[in-house]
Amino acid sequence: MECKYICPVLTSVDQGGKVNYEDMHALYDALLAAGIDGILSGGSAGEFYAFTYDEVRELILDAIQYVNHRGIVLAGAGRMAKAETVSLSNAALEAGADAAIIVGPYYSACSQEDVFNYYDDILGKIQGNVFLYNYADRTGYDVSVNTILRLLAKHKNFVGVKDTHPMLRHTQKYIREIKSRYPEFKVFTGYDNNCIPSVVSGGNGCIGALSNLYPELCHAAAEALRQENLEKLKQAQRKIDERMLLYEVHTPFNAVMKWAMKEMGKPMQENCKEPLTPLTDAEKKALDKAADLLWRK
C-alpha cells in the first residue's frame, strides 16, 4: 500500500516570538533521518496564524531551501486575506515547494458556495499544486464532498486534501466518493491514530503532529503499511493510540508537545507565539503522570 507520513512541524521560537532557525534545521534533519517522508511548514502545529505574512513567508522559504528536495515540503499558505494566500502560495511554489496547503477562510461563517468560490478563485491564480486543508474545528465549517468534486472538475492543480477530522468515517467518505472518480487525488488524514485504517481504506497517508516527537514510530507505521505487515501494523497502531493523549491533556496541544520535545533533548524551545503561552510550573506538575507515561519512561 502507498503511504506517506508528513510532519507538520512545530516552530521553535525565542521568548520574543522569533524563529530559532538553528533548531528548525536540526529538527528537519532529524525528521528526515528518522524516515519521515517530508514536512509541512506553516501548519496549525507550527502556529501559522500567529505569524505576520513576512514572518511565515521567511519560515516557509527557509524550510524549502534547507530541505532542498531531500523530502516533501508542503507550504501552509492559508491567510485571511485572499491576496496574501495567493502571493504566499506562488512564492513557495516558485522556491521549490511540492505543493501549497490552504485552509479556507476562518472566523467567517462560510456556506459551501462561499467555500467553492474562494477556492475556485485562488486555484485559478496559483501556479502549482494545491492541497485543501479541511479543519472544521477551526474554520467552523466542513468542506463537503460535492464542493471538492466541483473544484476538481475545474482545476488540475487541485491535487489533494488534508482532512483533520477526528471521525475516521469522514476521511473514508472522501476516499470512497472522491478517489473513486479521481484516483490520483491524495487524501491524507490529520490525525495520527487514523493513519493506518485510512490507508487501508485507500487513503495516502498522514500529516500528523505526533511525528515531531516520535518520528521513528510514525515511519514504522508507514513502512508497515507499505510492507502490508499485519503484526507490525498492530504494534504501531497500539503505540500511536497510547500517544494520542498528547492531543488531549492540554488545550492547545502545542505547548505540551514543545515541553515534551525539550525534555526529550530535541531541538525545540518551549515558547509559543502569542496568544499561546508555554506551560506554567503548576500546569507541568498537573501533567506529570502523563509525561511519565508518554516520554519519560
Protein backbone atom coordinates (compact mmCIF):
# COMPACT_ATOMS: atom_id res chain seq x y z
CA MET A 1 0.00 0.00 0.00
CA GLU A 2 1.09 3.54 -0.72
CA CYS A 3 1.71 5.65 2.38
CA LYS A 4 3.46 8.94 3.11
CA TYR A 5 3.94 10.33 6.61
CA ILE A 6 4.48 14.09 6.61
CA CYS A 7 5.33 16.06 9.75
CA PRO A 8 3.52 19.36 10.38
CA VAL A 9 6.50 20.82 12.19
CA LEU A 10 6.23 22.71 15.44
CA THR A 11 8.04 26.05 15.35
CA SER A 12 10.86 26.76 17.79
CA VAL A 13 10.73 30.43 18.84
CA ASP A 14 12.50 32.53 21.45
CA GLN A 15 10.74 34.49 24.19
CA GLY A 16 10.13 37.33 21.76
CA GLY A 17 8.50 35.04 19.22
CA LYS A 18 11.38 34.99 16.73
CA VAL A 19 12.12 31.72 14.97
CA ASN A 20 15.20 29.80 16.09
CA TYR A 21 16.42 28.62 12.71
CA GLU A 22 19.27 26.57 14.16
CA ASP A 23 16.65 24.48 15.99
CA MET A 24 14.44 24.25 12.91
CA HIS A 25 17.26 23.00 10.70
CA ALA A 26 18.24 20.39 13.28
CA LEU A 27 14.62 19.30 13.50
CA TYR A 28 14.27 18.94 9.73
CA ASP A 29 17.44 16.84 9.64
CA ALA A 30 16.26 14.60 12.49
CA LEU A 31 12.83 14.02 10.95
CA LEU A 32 14.24 13.08 7.55
CA ALA A 33 16.92 10.88 9.11
CA ALA A 34 14.19 9.01 11.01
CA GLY A 35 12.42 8.22 7.76
CA ILE A 36 9.66 10.82 7.75
CA ASP A 37 8.72 11.50 4.12
CA GLY A 38 8.56 15.27 4.39
CA ILE A 39 7.41 18.32 6.31
CA LEU A 40 4.60 20.84 6.37
CA SER A 41 5.94 24.29 7.20
CA GLY A 42 3.42 26.88 8.34
CA GLY A 43 0.73 24.49 9.50
CA SER A 44 -1.52 24.58 12.56
CA ALA A 45 1.06 22.78 14.70
CA GLY A 46 3.52 25.45 13.63
CA GLU A 47 1.20 28.27 14.83
CA PHE A 48 0.96 29.86 11.38
CA TYR A 49 -1.99 32.03 12.45
CA ALA A 50 0.20 33.92 14.94
CA PHE A 51 2.86 34.94 12.39
CA THR A 52 2.81 38.00 10.19
CA TYR A 53 2.85 37.44 6.45
CA ASP A 54 6.56 38.30 6.25
CA GLU A 55 7.43 36.02 9.18
CA VAL A 56 5.64 32.95 7.84
CA ARG A 57 6.99 33.60 4.33
CA GLU A 58 10.54 33.61 5.70
CA LEU A 59 9.86 30.43 7.71
CA ILE A 60 8.50 28.55 4.70
CA LEU A 61 11.12 29.72 2.21
CA ASP A 62 13.90 28.81 4.64
CA ALA A 63 12.44 25.30 5.05
CA ILE A 64 12.26 24.80 1.29
CA GLN A 65 15.85 25.94 0.81
CA TYR A 66 17.22 23.91 3.73
CA VAL A 67 15.42 20.64 2.95
CA ASN A 68 16.48 21.09 -0.68
CA HIS A 69 14.37 18.23 -2.10
CA ARG A 70 15.57 15.69 0.47
CA GLY A 71 11.91 15.21 1.31
CA ILE A 72 8.48 16.58 0.51
CA VAL A 73 7.84 20.17 1.55
CA LEU A 74 4.28 21.44 1.83
CA ALA A 75 3.76 25.16 2.41
CA GLY A 76 0.97 26.23 4.74
CA ALA A 77 -0.19 29.25 2.78
CA GLY A 78 -3.70 29.92 4.07
CA ARG A 79 -4.18 33.55 5.11
CA MET A 80 -7.28 35.54 5.99
CA ALA A 81 -6.57 37.93 3.11
CA LYS A 82 -7.05 36.09 -0.19
CA ALA A 83 -4.35 38.10 -1.95
CA GLU A 84 -1.84 37.03 0.70
CA THR A 85 -2.83 33.38 0.24
CA VAL A 86 -2.17 33.59 -3.49
CA SER A 87 1.06 35.53 -3.06
CA LEU A 88 2.45 33.20 -0.39
CA SER A 89 1.48 30.09 -2.34
CA ASN A 90 3.17 31.29 -5.50
CA ALA A 91 6.31 32.40 -3.64
CA ALA A 92 6.61 28.96 -2.01
CA LEU A 93 5.95 27.06 -5.23
CA GLU A 94 8.41 29.17 -7.18
CA ALA A 95 11.02 28.45 -4.48
CA GLY A 96 10.51 24.70 -4.88
CA ALA A 97 7.71 23.61 -2.56
CA ASP A 98 5.95 20.44 -3.68
CA ALA A 99 2.54 21.99 -3.02
CA ALA A 100 0.77 24.72 -1.10
CA ILE A 101 -1.74 23.57 1.51
CA ILE A 102 -4.52 26.05 2.14
CA VAL A 103 -7.03 26.22 4.95
CA GLY A 104 -10.24 28.00 3.98
CA PRO A 105 -11.32 31.33 5.48
CA TYR A 106 -11.68 31.06 9.24
CA TYR A 107 -13.86 33.02 11.67
CA SER A 108 -16.40 33.89 8.96
CA ALA A 109 -19.41 31.56 8.75
CA CYS A 110 -18.97 30.30 5.19
CA SER A 111 -21.57 28.41 3.18
CA GLN A 112 -20.48 25.69 0.77
CA GLU A 113 -20.95 28.17 -2.07
CA ASP A 114 -18.64 30.62 -0.28
CA VAL A 115 -16.04 27.88 0.13
CA PHE A 116 -16.31 26.84 -3.51
CA ASN A 117 -15.98 30.43 -4.75
CA TYR A 118 -12.96 31.05 -2.53
CA TYR A 119 -11.02 28.00 -3.70
CA ASP A 120 -12.22 28.36 -7.28
CA ASP A 121 -10.69 31.83 -7.42
CA ILE A 122 -7.37 31.06 -5.75
CA LEU A 123 -6.81 27.79 -7.61
CA GLY A 124 -7.00 29.74 -10.85
CA LYS A 125 -4.33 32.15 -9.63
CA ILE A 126 -1.85 29.76 -8.02
CA GLN A 127 0.89 28.45 -10.29
CA GLY A 128 1.33 24.95 -8.93
CA ASN A 129 -0.14 22.12 -6.90
CA VAL A 130 -2.57 22.84 -4.06
CA PHE A 131 -3.94 20.80 -1.18
CA LEU A 132 -7.14 21.83 0.57
CA TYR A 133 -6.91 21.77 4.37
CA ASN A 134 -10.25 20.76 5.89
CA TYR A 135 -10.33 21.57 9.62
CA ALA A 136 -13.91 22.25 10.70
CA ASP A 137 -12.98 22.65 14.38
CA ARG A 138 -11.03 25.78 13.43
CA THR A 139 -12.86 27.15 10.38
CA GLY A 140 -16.39 26.49 11.61
CA TYR A 141 -17.47 24.53 8.53
CA ASP A 142 -16.80 21.19 6.90
CA VAL A 143 -15.88 21.09 3.20
CA SER A 144 -18.33 18.72 1.52
CA VAL A 145 -17.53 16.00 -0.98
CA ASN A 146 -19.63 17.83 -3.55
CA THR A 147 -17.62 21.05 -3.14
CA ILE A 148 -14.36 19.16 -3.65
CA LEU A 149 -15.75 17.39 -6.73
CA ARG A 150 -16.88 20.70 -8.22
CA LEU A 151 -13.38 22.10 -7.74
CA LEU A 152 -11.72 19.00 -9.21
CA ALA A 153 -13.85 19.33 -12.33
CA LYS A 154 -12.31 22.75 -12.98
CA HIS A 155 -8.76 22.73 -11.59
CA LYS A 156 -5.98 20.30 -12.50
CA ASN A 157 -3.66 21.81 -9.89
CA PHE A 158 -6.01 20.75 -7.08
CA VAL A 159 -4.20 17.58 -6.05
CA GLY A 160 -5.25 16.59 -2.54
CA VAL A 161 -6.82 17.20 0.83
CA LYS A 162 -5.68 17.05 4.44
CA ASP A 163 -8.72 16.02 6.47
CA THR A 164 -8.25 16.95 10.12
CA HIS A 165 -11.45 15.33 11.28
CA PRO A 166 -11.50 13.02 14.33
CA MET A 167 -14.03 10.66 12.76
CA LEU A 168 -12.33 8.08 10.55
CA ARG A 169 -15.61 7.66 8.70
CA HIS A 170 -15.36 11.25 7.45
CA THR A 171 -11.97 10.65 5.82
CA GLN A 172 -13.20 7.32 4.44
CA LYS A 173 -16.07 9.14 2.76
CA TYR A 174 -13.59 11.42 0.99
CA ILE A 175 -11.64 8.34 -0.08
CA ARG A 176 -14.64 6.43 -1.35
CA GLU A 177 -16.54 9.22 -3.08
CA ILE A 178 -13.66 11.30 -4.44
CA LYS A 179 -10.84 8.86 -5.20
CA SER A 180 -13.27 6.54 -6.97
CA ARG A 181 -13.66 9.29 -9.58
CA TYR A 182 -10.20 10.88 -9.31
CA PRO A 183 -7.80 8.05 -8.38
CA GLU A 184 -4.71 10.29 -8.36
CA PHE A 185 -6.27 12.69 -5.84
CA LYS A 186 -4.46 12.44 -2.48
CA VAL A 187 -6.38 12.05 0.79
CA PHE A 188 -4.36 12.50 3.98
CA THR A 189 -5.69 12.29 7.50
CA GLY A 190 -4.63 14.91 10.03
CA TYR A 191 -4.93 12.55 13.00
CA ASP A 192 -2.12 10.07 13.61
CA ASN A 193 -4.39 7.35 15.01
CA ASN A 194 -6.36 7.38 11.75
CA CYS A 195 -3.31 6.87 9.54
CA ILE A 196 -3.28 3.08 9.37
CA PRO A 197 -7.04 2.50 8.94
CA SER A 198 -7.43 5.33 6.42
CA VAL A 199 -4.60 3.99 4.27
CA VAL A 200 -6.09 0.50 4.45
CA SER A 201 -9.30 2.13 3.16
CA GLY A 202 -7.42 3.60 0.21
CA GLY A 203 -6.01 6.86 1.56
CA ASN A 204 -2.49 8.16 1.02
CA GLY A 205 -1.10 8.74 4.49
CA CYS A 206 -0.95 11.15 7.39
CA ILE A 207 0.08 14.72 8.13
CA GLY A 208 0.13 14.31 11.91
CA ALA A 209 1.90 16.19 14.70
CA LEU A 210 2.97 13.14 16.74
CA SER A 211 5.75 12.77 14.20
CA ASN A 212 7.50 15.77 15.79
CA LEU A 213 8.10 13.67 18.92
CA TYR A 214 8.02 10.12 17.61
CA PRO A 215 9.28 10.17 14.02
CA GLU A 216 10.65 6.63 14.20
CA LEU A 217 7.27 5.28 15.31
CA CYS A 218 5.41 7.17 12.59
CA HIS A 219 7.88 5.97 9.98
CA ALA A 220 7.44 2.41 11.28
CA ALA A 221 3.67 2.73 10.78
CA ALA A 222 4.14 3.95 7.22
CA GLU A 223 6.68 1.23 6.45
CA ALA A 224 4.41 -1.48 7.89
CA LEU A 225 1.65 -0.24 5.58
CA ARG A 226 3.97 -0.32 2.59
CA GLN A 227 5.00 -3.88 3.51
CA GLU A 228 1.44 -4.86 4.49
CA ASN A 229 2.89 -6.42 7.65
CA LEU A 230 -0.04 -7.10 9.96
CA GLU A 231 1.96 -7.75 13.11
CA LYS A 232 3.94 -4.53 12.75
CA LEU A 233 0.74 -2.64 11.94
CA LYS A 234 -0.86 -3.84 15.17
CA GLN A 235 2.19 -2.82 17.19
CA ALA A 236 2.38 0.64 15.60
CA GLN A 237 -1.35 1.32 15.92
CA ARG A 238 -1.39 0.50 19.64
CA LYS A 239 1.63 2.69 20.35
CA ILE A 240 0.13 5.59 18.40
CA ASP A 241 -3.23 5.16 20.15
CA GLU A 242 -1.48 5.49 23.51
CA ARG A 243 0.39 8.61 22.47
CA MET A 244 -2.73 10.38 21.20
CA LEU A 245 -3.13 11.51 24.81
CA LEU A 246 -0.73 14.31 23.86
CA TYR A 247 -3.57 15.98 21.96
CA GLU A 248 -5.96 15.70 24.90
CA VAL A 249 -4.18 16.58 28.16
CA HIS A 250 -3.95 20.32 27.45
CA THR A 251 -5.58 22.73 25.00
CA PRO A 252 -4.00 23.65 22.70
CA PHE A 253 -1.55 20.77 22.32
CA ASN A 254 1.37 22.86 21.03
CA ALA A 255 2.70 23.80 24.47
CA VAL A 256 2.67 20.21 25.74
CA MET A 257 4.43 18.91 22.65
CA LYS A 258 7.09 21.62 22.89
CA TRP A 259 7.68 20.84 26.57
CA ALA A 260 7.93 17.14 25.77
CA MET A 261 10.40 17.73 22.94
CA LYS A 262 12.55 19.96 25.15
CA GLU A 263 12.68 17.28 27.86
CA MET A 264 13.47 14.63 25.25
CA GLY A 265 16.51 16.64 24.11
CA LYS A 266 15.02 17.50 20.73
CA PRO A 267 15.70 20.89 19.05
CA MET A 268 12.71 22.85 20.35
CA GLN A 269 12.11 25.77 22.71
CA GLU A 270 9.05 25.77 24.98
CA ASN A 271 8.00 29.29 23.97
CA CYS A 272 4.89 29.82 21.85
CA LYS A 273 3.73 32.63 19.62
CA GLU A 274 1.14 34.86 21.24
CA PRO A 275 -1.67 34.36 22.06
CA LEU A 276 -0.45 30.86 23.04
CA THR A 277 1.66 30.59 26.17
CA PRO A 278 4.13 27.97 27.43
CA LEU A 279 3.10 25.73 30.30
CA THR A 280 3.44 27.08 33.83
CA ASP A 281 5.19 25.08 36.55
CA ALA A 282 1.79 24.33 38.08
CA GLU A 283 0.46 23.03 34.76
CA LYS A 284 3.53 20.85 34.32
CA LYS A 285 3.09 19.42 37.79
CA ALA A 286 -0.52 18.54 36.98
CA LEU A 287 0.69 16.79 33.83
CA ASP A 288 3.47 14.79 35.49
CA LYS A 289 1.64 11.47 35.22
CA ALA A 290 1.01 12.00 31.52
CA ALA A 291 4.67 12.95 30.98
CA ASP A 292 5.83 9.81 32.81
CA LEU A 293 3.57 7.68 30.62
CA LEU A 294 4.34 9.30 27.29
CA TRP A 295 8.00 10.28 27.12
CA ARG A 296 9.85 9.82 30.41
CA LYS A 297 9.65 6.04 30.57
